[in-house]
Amino acid sequence: MITPVLPTYSRADLAFERGEGSYLIAENGQRYLDFGSGIAVNALGHAHPHLVAAVTEQAQKLWHTSNLYRIPGQQRLAERLVAATFADTVFFTNSGAEALECAIKMTRKFQSHNGHPEKFRIITFEGAFHGRTLATIAAGGQAKYLEGFGPKVDGFDQVAFGDLAALKAAISPETAGILIEPIQGEGGVRPVPGEFLRALRALCDEHGLLLILDEVQTGVGRTGKLFAHEWAGVTPDIMAIAKGIGGGFPMGACLATERAAAGMVAGTHGSTFGGNPLAMAVGNAVLDVVLAPGFLERVREASLRFKQQLAMLKDEHPGVIEEVRGEGLLLGLKLRVPNTEFAAALRERHLLAVGAGDNVVRILPPLTVSDAELSEGIAAIGAAAASFEAKKDAAA
């Protein structure tokens, strides 16, 4: 018999009643160090005082009016995002998938607006994950997400990850843009080299295409820069963000240059809840913290030490940990043991992490994590790795 909650998730048998900074407290009172951060969502940890104050103050004033009226918080957050990025304009959504849908529509509209309605196809990359809507699962191209939901939405041409020759060959008279994650998260924490991103920018300029970045997981400080593409010195035309910008509150945004967004006039796109006053209060509060002097520098310093410590664990446990991947506090352990079993072993040691493709476990601490908490995490990861080695020795 089906459960009241649609059974589309494979859940751990854990429920949490509250959070404090980098920790979650279960119903039985046990504390867990949260190095999953709600899949890179809780960028500032749990119950951050500034976020709590912002949402509490706004909740006592106004929750929702709809986009039939001006929303001052939207104006403020958009101005701040524009000032801090390549963008000239912002559309607010409730999720990353919706931000990607906006980006896809904007790309097609750009080409149509400029006299090329035949240009509607977008090139994407093997291993990508862009969301769960019909369009975004088609963009991601992963068979496990597409199965049973056919026919596949047309308009996406997928090429092998990192294959520039295949990418060039895929460009056709119908190509409108190129969509890529600077680091594939779900795909196994696979960073895209800076030179490859720069090559994409040059190809887009050469062929009149738009470069679309999916920074839903990599954005808002996760890699030590406000956005990951800054490391490569690349400027996109359109960028989708979510997760960290809400600090746990459901929100996302599609950022774009004036040129890319020229066709998006009144009536071409919309959202009932997108950009509501509650979300905008939280988004502005997140930026208050992340854009404060020294915050991103501290993320970079902490992540460097943490990655070095993870590399030492790899050297100590080569039969368990094959590779350490990623940038900033978006890190992955490529494993020689099943990643689901390793994540369970971490959970037994009260450390929460997130699985990914390519037999990887993602390590995603809050950006506010302390050095002591990182050390605690290293100890748990080391203990879990040692437990697998002990099993192998016992079996031998």
Protein backbone atom coordinates (compact mmCIF):
# COMPACT_ATOMS: atom_id res chain seq x y z
CA MET A 1 0.00 0.00 0.00
CA ILE A 2 1.33 3.41 -0.94
CA THR A 3 2.41 5.74 1.85
CA PRO A 4 0.70 9.09 2.49
CA VAL A 5 3.93 10.82 1.39
CA LEU A 6 4.63 9.83 -2.22
CA PRO A 7 7.52 7.31 -1.92
CA THR A 8 9.94 8.97 -4.35
CA TYR A 9 12.78 9.33 -1.82
CA SER A 10 15.11 6.73 -0.34
CA ARG A 11 15.33 8.19 3.14
CA ALA A 12 17.58 7.45 6.09
CA ASP A 13 15.62 6.55 9.21
CA LEU A 14 16.40 9.86 10.89
CA ALA A 15 14.27 12.88 11.73
CA PHE A 16 15.57 16.15 13.14
CA GLU A 17 13.72 18.59 15.35
CA ARG A 18 16.13 21.49 15.40
CA GLY A 19 19.50 22.76 14.22
CA GLU A 20 22.28 24.82 15.78
CA GLY A 21 25.00 26.14 13.49
CA SER A 22 26.75 23.16 11.91
CA TYR A 23 24.74 20.61 13.90
CA LEU A 24 21.36 18.92 13.59
CA ILE A 25 19.65 17.50 16.67
CA ALA A 26 17.56 14.38 16.16
CA GLU A 27 14.27 13.60 17.85
CA ASN A 28 16.12 11.46 20.38
CA GLY A 29 18.45 14.35 21.24
CA GLN A 30 21.53 13.00 19.46
CA ARG A 31 23.66 15.58 17.64
CA TYR A 32 24.89 15.16 14.07
CA LEU A 33 27.54 17.26 12.36
CA ASP A 34 25.86 18.36 9.15
CA PHE A 35 28.33 18.20 6.27
CA GLY A 36 25.50 17.84 3.77
CA SER A 37 23.96 21.25 4.48
CA GLY A 38 20.66 20.17 2.99
CA ILE A 39 22.54 19.42 -0.27
CA ALA A 40 24.48 22.71 -0.26
CA VAL A 41 21.43 24.73 0.82
CA ASN A 42 22.11 25.73 4.44
CA ALA A 43 25.07 27.91 3.51
CA LEU A 44 25.07 29.67 6.89
CA GLY A 45 24.25 26.59 8.95
CA HIS A 46 21.09 26.14 11.00
CA ALA A 47 19.18 28.87 12.84
CA HIS A 48 21.68 31.57 11.93
CA PRO A 49 20.69 34.54 14.14
CA HIS A 50 20.72 37.09 11.31
CA LEU A 51 18.50 34.92 9.09
CA VAL A 52 16.14 34.09 11.94
CA ALA A 53 15.78 37.79 12.76
CA ALA A 54 15.17 38.71 9.12
CA VAL A 55 12.47 36.11 8.48
CA THR A 56 10.81 36.77 11.87
CA GLU A 57 10.63 40.50 11.26
CA GLN A 58 9.23 40.03 7.74
CA ALA A 59 6.76 37.33 8.83
CA GLN A 60 5.19 39.81 11.24
CA LYS A 61 4.68 42.29 8.40
CA LEU A 62 3.82 40.63 5.08
CA TRP A 63 4.19 37.18 3.56
CA HIS A 64 2.77 37.47 0.05
CA THR A 65 1.27 39.99 -2.33
CA SER A 66 2.03 38.43 -5.77
CA ASN A 67 3.97 40.03 -8.56
CA LEU A 68 1.00 42.16 -9.55
CA TYR A 69 2.58 44.79 -7.31
CA ARG A 70 6.05 46.13 -6.62
CA ILE A 71 7.98 44.20 -3.98
CA PRO A 72 10.67 46.44 -2.44
CA GLY A 73 12.72 43.48 -1.19
CA GLN A 74 12.99 42.20 -4.76
CA GLN A 75 14.29 45.54 -5.96
CA ARG A 76 16.93 45.61 -3.19
CA LEU A 77 18.09 42.03 -3.68
CA ALA A 78 18.20 42.39 -7.47
CA GLU A 79 20.25 45.58 -7.20
CA ARG A 80 22.71 43.88 -4.88
CA LEU A 81 23.07 40.81 -7.12
CA VAL A 82 23.55 43.03 -10.16
CA ALA A 83 26.19 45.07 -8.33
CA ALA A 84 28.07 41.94 -7.26
CA THR A 85 27.96 40.03 -10.58
CA PHE A 86 28.06 40.26 -14.38
CA ALA A 87 24.26 40.62 -14.52
CA ASP A 88 22.06 43.56 -15.39
CA THR A 89 18.74 42.02 -14.37
CA VAL A 90 17.29 39.24 -12.19
CA PHE A 91 14.14 37.06 -12.22
CA PHE A 92 13.27 35.43 -8.88
CA THR A 93 12.03 31.84 -8.59
CA ASN A 94 11.28 29.27 -5.87
CA SER A 95 13.90 26.68 -6.86
CA GLY A 96 16.89 25.87 -9.00
CA ALA A 97 14.84 23.96 -11.55
CA GLU A 98 12.61 27.00 -12.04
CA ALA A 99 15.68 29.21 -12.42
CA LEU A 100 16.94 26.84 -15.13
CA GLU A 101 13.53 26.86 -16.84
CA CYS A 102 13.75 30.65 -16.96
CA ALA A 103 17.27 30.42 -18.39
CA ILE A 104 16.17 27.95 -21.08
CA LYS A 105 13.18 30.11 -22.08
CA MET A 106 15.32 33.25 -22.08
CA THR A 107 17.90 31.59 -24.35
CA ARG A 108 15.25 30.61 -26.89
CA LYS A 109 13.57 34.00 -26.64
CA PHE A 110 16.89 35.76 -27.21
CA GLN A 111 17.43 34.00 -30.51
CA SER A 112 13.83 34.52 -31.63
CA HIS A 113 13.94 38.18 -30.60
CA ASN A 114 17.04 38.61 -32.72
CA GLY A 115 15.51 37.07 -35.82
CA HIS A 116 16.59 33.46 -35.38
CA PRO A 117 13.56 31.44 -34.20
CA GLU A 118 15.18 28.34 -35.71
CA LYS A 119 17.86 28.53 -33.00
CA PHE A 120 16.35 26.72 -30.01
CA ARG A 121 18.71 23.87 -29.18
CA ILE A 122 21.03 23.96 -26.15
CA ILE A 123 24.20 21.89 -25.81
CA THR A 124 24.69 20.22 -22.40
CA PHE A 125 27.17 17.76 -20.92
CA GLU A 126 27.22 14.13 -19.84
CA GLY A 127 26.78 13.78 -16.07
CA ALA A 128 24.92 17.07 -15.73
CA PHE A 129 22.04 17.63 -13.35
CA HIS A 130 19.81 20.66 -13.92
CA GLY A 131 16.60 19.78 -12.08
CA ARG A 132 13.55 17.51 -12.17
CA THR A 133 11.13 19.24 -14.55
CA LEU A 134 10.55 17.70 -17.97
CA ALA A 135 12.83 20.26 -19.62
CA THR A 136 15.60 20.07 -17.04
CA ILE A 137 15.76 16.25 -16.98
CA ALA A 138 16.07 16.43 -20.77
CA ALA A 139 18.86 18.97 -20.35
CA GLY A 140 20.63 16.74 -17.83
CA GLY A 141 20.23 13.75 -20.10
CA GLN A 142 20.67 11.09 -17.42
CA ALA A 143 18.75 7.92 -18.31
CA LYS A 144 17.80 7.18 -14.68
CA TYR A 145 15.87 10.46 -14.46
CA LEU A 146 14.35 10.24 -17.96
CA GLU A 147 13.06 6.66 -17.78
CA GLY A 148 9.28 6.49 -17.96
CA PHE A 149 8.79 10.19 -18.63
CA GLY A 150 9.00 10.12 -22.41
CA PRO A 151 8.87 11.47 -24.95
CA LYS A 152 11.96 13.43 -24.02
CA VAL A 153 11.60 17.19 -24.37
CA ASP A 154 13.33 18.17 -27.60
CA GLY A 155 15.96 20.85 -27.85
CA PHE A 156 18.98 19.47 -25.97
CA ASP A 157 22.13 17.98 -27.47
CA GLN A 158 24.45 16.30 -24.99
CA VAL A 159 28.19 15.85 -25.45
CA ALA A 160 30.86 14.09 -23.39
CA PHE A 161 32.14 15.97 -20.35
CA GLY A 162 35.25 17.99 -21.19
CA ASP A 163 35.28 17.02 -24.90
CA LEU A 164 35.86 20.27 -26.79
CA ALA A 165 36.02 18.58 -30.19
CA ALA A 166 32.64 16.91 -29.62
CA LEU A 167 31.22 20.23 -28.48
CA LYS A 168 32.38 22.03 -31.62
CA ALA A 169 30.93 19.24 -33.77
CA ALA A 170 27.58 19.54 -31.98
CA ILE A 171 27.11 23.22 -32.86
CA SER A 172 24.54 23.47 -35.63
CA PRO A 173 22.41 26.18 -37.30
CA GLU A 174 19.76 25.38 -34.65
CA THR A 175 22.05 25.84 -31.63
CA ALA A 176 21.00 28.67 -29.30
CA GLY A 177 23.33 28.26 -26.34
CA ILE A 178 25.58 26.12 -24.15
CA LEU A 179 24.59 25.14 -20.60
CA ILE A 180 27.12 23.90 -18.04
CA GLU A 181 27.77 23.59 -14.31
CA PRO A 182 31.23 24.96 -13.34
CA ILE A 183 31.46 21.94 -11.05
CA GLN A 184 29.15 18.99 -11.58
CA GLY A 185 27.66 18.23 -8.17
CA GLU A 186 25.25 15.34 -8.70
CA GLY A 187 27.56 14.11 -11.46
CA GLY A 188 30.35 13.38 -8.98
CA VAL A 189 31.92 16.72 -7.96
CA ARG A 190 33.70 17.10 -11.30
CA PRO A 191 35.23 20.58 -11.78
CA VAL A 192 35.28 22.05 -15.26
CA PRO A 193 38.80 23.39 -15.99
CA GLY A 194 39.02 27.14 -16.36
CA GLU A 195 40.49 26.85 -19.84
CA PHE A 196 37.47 24.82 -20.94
CA LEU A 197 35.04 27.47 -19.66
CA ARG A 198 37.05 30.13 -21.44
CA ALA A 199 36.89 28.07 -24.64
CA LEU A 200 33.10 27.87 -24.27
CA ARG A 201 32.91 31.65 -23.92
CA ALA A 202 34.95 32.08 -27.11
CA LEU A 203 32.78 29.60 -29.03
CA CYS A 204 29.60 31.34 -27.90
CA ASP A 205 30.98 34.67 -29.06
CA GLU A 206 32.07 33.18 -32.38
CA HIS A 207 28.74 31.52 -33.16
CA GLY A 208 26.28 34.00 -31.64
CA LEU A 209 25.30 31.65 -28.79
CA LEU A 210 24.51 32.34 -25.15
CA LEU A 211 26.65 30.86 -22.38
CA ILE A 212 24.37 29.67 -19.58
CA LEU A 213 25.83 28.66 -16.22
CA ASP A 214 24.07 26.48 -13.67
CA GLU A 215 25.45 27.73 -10.35
CA VAL A 216 22.61 26.36 -8.25
CA GLN A 217 25.03 24.27 -6.19
CA THR A 218 28.31 26.13 -6.77
CA GLY A 219 27.07 29.67 -6.10
CA VAL A 220 26.86 32.09 -3.17
CA GLY A 221 30.30 31.40 -1.75
CA ARG A 222 30.34 27.61 -1.93
CA THR A 223 33.68 27.51 -3.80
CA GLY A 224 35.27 30.45 -1.97
CA LYS A 225 34.23 33.02 -4.59
CA LEU A 226 30.72 34.47 -4.72
CA PHE A 227 30.24 32.40 -7.89
CA ALA A 228 32.45 29.59 -9.19
CA HIS A 229 32.90 31.01 -12.70
CA GLU A 230 34.88 33.89 -11.18
CA TRP A 231 37.82 31.50 -10.71
CA ALA A 232 38.03 31.14 -14.51
CA GLY A 233 37.58 34.82 -15.26
CA VAL A 234 34.60 33.98 -17.48
CA THR A 235 31.46 36.09 -17.90
CA PRO A 236 28.25 34.18 -18.72
CA ASP A 237 25.20 35.62 -20.43
CA ILE A 238 22.71 33.89 -18.14
CA MET A 239 23.15 32.20 -14.75
CA ALA A 240 20.76 30.13 -12.64
CA ILE A 241 21.19 30.15 -8.86
CA ALA A 242 19.27 28.78 -5.85
CA LYS A 243 20.19 26.70 -2.78
CA GLY A 244 22.67 28.92 -0.88
CA ILE A 245 21.00 32.24 -1.74
CA GLY A 246 18.04 31.26 0.45
CA GLY A 247 20.10 29.79 3.28
CA GLY A 248 17.41 27.13 3.70
CA PHE A 249 14.40 29.14 2.50
CA PRO A 250 13.12 27.98 -0.91
CA MET A 251 14.26 30.49 -3.49
CA GLY A 252 16.24 30.84 -6.67
CA ALA A 253 17.01 33.38 -9.34
CA CYS A 254 17.91 33.71 -12.99
CA LEU A 255 20.53 36.42 -13.61
CA ALA A 256 21.21 37.82 -17.08
CA THR A 257 22.82 40.57 -19.09
CA GLU A 258 20.59 43.21 -20.66
CA ARG A 259 21.43 41.80 -24.09
CA ALA A 260 20.42 38.24 -23.17
CA ALA A 261 17.18 39.34 -21.52
CA ALA A 262 16.04 41.83 -24.18
CA GLY A 263 13.15 39.66 -25.33
CA MET A 264 11.75 39.00 -21.86
CA VAL A 265 9.10 41.67 -21.70
CA ALA A 266 5.84 41.84 -19.69
CA GLY A 267 3.86 38.63 -20.04
CA THR A 268 6.67 36.40 -21.32
CA HIS A 269 7.38 34.75 -17.96
CA GLY A 270 6.04 34.76 -14.43
CA SER A 271 5.74 33.12 -11.02
CA THR A 272 3.07 33.27 -8.34
CA PHE A 273 5.41 32.83 -5.37
CA GLY A 274 8.76 33.80 -6.90
CA GLY A 275 10.31 36.77 -5.14
CA ASN A 276 7.75 36.94 -2.34
CA PRO A 277 8.57 39.21 0.63
CA LEU A 278 9.61 36.36 2.95
CA ALA A 279 12.09 34.94 0.45
CA MET A 280 13.50 38.37 -0.32
CA ALA A 281 14.06 39.14 3.35
CA VAL A 282 16.06 35.94 3.73
CA GLY A 283 18.00 36.40 0.50
CA ASN A 284 19.04 39.89 1.52
CA ALA A 285 20.06 38.59 4.95
CA VAL A 286 22.21 35.88 3.33
CA LEU A 287 24.00 38.51 1.24
CA ASP A 288 24.54 40.63 4.35
CA VAL A 289 26.66 37.80 5.74
CA VAL A 290 28.32 36.41 2.61
CA LEU A 291 29.32 39.82 1.24
CA ALA A 292 30.68 41.04 4.59
CA PRO A 293 34.42 41.84 4.52
CA GLY A 294 36.56 38.76 5.12
CA PHE A 295 33.76 36.16 4.86
CA LEU A 296 34.76 34.60 1.54
CA GLU A 297 38.44 34.84 2.45
CA ARG A 298 37.71 32.76 5.56
CA VAL A 299 35.88 30.18 3.41
CA ARG A 300 38.93 29.90 1.14
CA GLU A 301 41.33 29.54 4.06
CA ALA A 302 39.20 26.92 5.81
CA SER A 303 38.63 24.95 2.63
CA LEU A 304 42.34 24.84 1.82
CA ARG A 305 43.19 23.32 5.20
CA PHE A 306 40.23 20.96 5.01
CA LYS A 307 41.15 19.72 1.54
CA GLN A 308 44.74 19.14 2.67
CA GLN A 309 43.46 17.07 5.59
CA LEU A 310 41.21 15.06 3.27
CA ALA A 311 44.21 14.44 0.99
CA MET A 312 46.10 13.08 4.01
CA LEU A 313 43.20 10.70 4.72
CA LYS A 314 43.36 9.54 1.10
CA ASP A 315 47.06 8.75 1.57
CA GLU A 316 46.33 6.93 4.84
CA HIS A 317 43.43 4.92 3.39
CA PRO A 318 44.20 4.35 -0.31
CA GLY A 319 42.09 1.21 -0.41
CA VAL A 320 38.99 3.22 0.52
CA ILE A 321 39.49 6.76 -0.80
CA GLU A 322 40.61 6.99 -4.43
CA GLU A 323 40.51 10.76 -5.00
CA VAL A 324 39.61 14.09 -3.37
CA ARG A 325 37.78 16.44 -5.73
CA GLY A 326 36.21 19.86 -5.80
CA GLU A 327 36.79 23.45 -4.80
CA GLY A 328 36.08 25.46 -1.66
CA LEU A 329 33.57 23.67 0.53
CA LEU A 330 32.10 21.72 -2.38
CA LEU A 331 34.26 18.61 -2.05
CA GLY A 332 33.88 15.00 -3.03
CA LEU A 333 35.48 11.72 -2.06
CA LYS A 334 35.76 9.31 -4.99
CA LEU A 335 35.64 5.94 -3.26
CA ARG A 336 36.81 2.36 -3.80
CA VAL A 337 33.93 1.12 -1.61
CA PRO A 338 30.20 1.71 -2.29
CA ASN A 339 29.40 5.36 -1.61
CA THR A 340 26.03 4.48 -0.06
CA GLU A 341 27.77 2.24 2.48
CA PHE A 342 30.38 4.90 3.22
CA ALA A 343 27.70 7.56 3.76
CA ALA A 344 25.95 5.15 6.14
CA ALA A 345 29.23 4.60 8.02
CA LEU A 346 29.62 8.36 8.38
CA ARG A 347 26.06 8.63 9.65
CA GLU A 348 26.80 5.98 12.27
CA ARG A 349 29.58 8.32 13.45
CA HIS A 350 27.11 11.22 13.51
CA LEU A 351 28.44 12.92 10.38
CA LEU A 352 26.02 13.67 7.55
CA ALA A 353 27.21 13.71 3.93
CA VAL A 354 25.55 13.40 0.50
CA GLY A 355 25.98 10.79 -2.22
CA ALA A 356 26.70 11.67 -5.86
CA GLY A 357 27.38 9.99 -9.18
CA ASP A 358 30.65 8.25 -10.05
CA ASN A 359 30.68 6.57 -6.61
CA VAL A 360 31.36 9.87 -4.83
CA VAL A 361 30.30 11.17 -1.41
CA ARG A 362 29.88 14.94 -1.31
CA ILE A 363 31.25 16.84 1.69
CA LEU A 364 29.37 20.15 1.95
CA PRO A 365 29.88 21.86 5.33
CA PRO A 366 28.16 25.16 6.07
CA LEU A 367 30.28 28.11 4.97
CA THR A 368 30.28 29.17 8.63
CA VAL A 369 31.89 25.90 9.80
CA SER A 370 34.60 26.29 12.45
CA ASP A 371 38.09 24.79 12.35
CA ALA A 372 37.17 22.58 15.30
CA GLU A 373 34.10 21.27 13.45
CA LEU A 374 36.19 20.55 10.35
CA SER A 375 38.61 18.59 12.54
CA GLU A 376 35.68 16.68 14.01
CA GLY A 377 34.55 15.85 10.49
CA ILE A 378 38.02 14.66 9.50
CA ALA A 379 38.10 12.35 12.52
CA ALA A 380 34.74 10.81 11.55
CA ILE A 381 35.77 10.34 7.92
CA GLY A 382 39.04 8.76 9.00
CA ALA A 383 37.25 6.43 11.40
CA ALA A 384 34.77 5.39 8.72
CA ALA A 385 37.59 4.68 6.25
CA ALA A 386 39.44 2.64 8.88
CA SER A 387 36.31 0.58 9.53
CA PHE A 388 36.21 -0.52 5.88
CA GLU A 389 39.89 -1.47 5.99
CA ALA A 390 39.23 -3.50 9.13
CA LYS A 391 36.42 -5.38 7.34
CA LYS A 392 38.73 -6.17 4.43
CA ASP A 393 41.43 -7.42 6.79
CA ALA A 394 38.92 -9.57 8.65
CA ALA A 395 37.62 -11.05 5.40
CA ALA A 396 41.16 -11.85 4.30
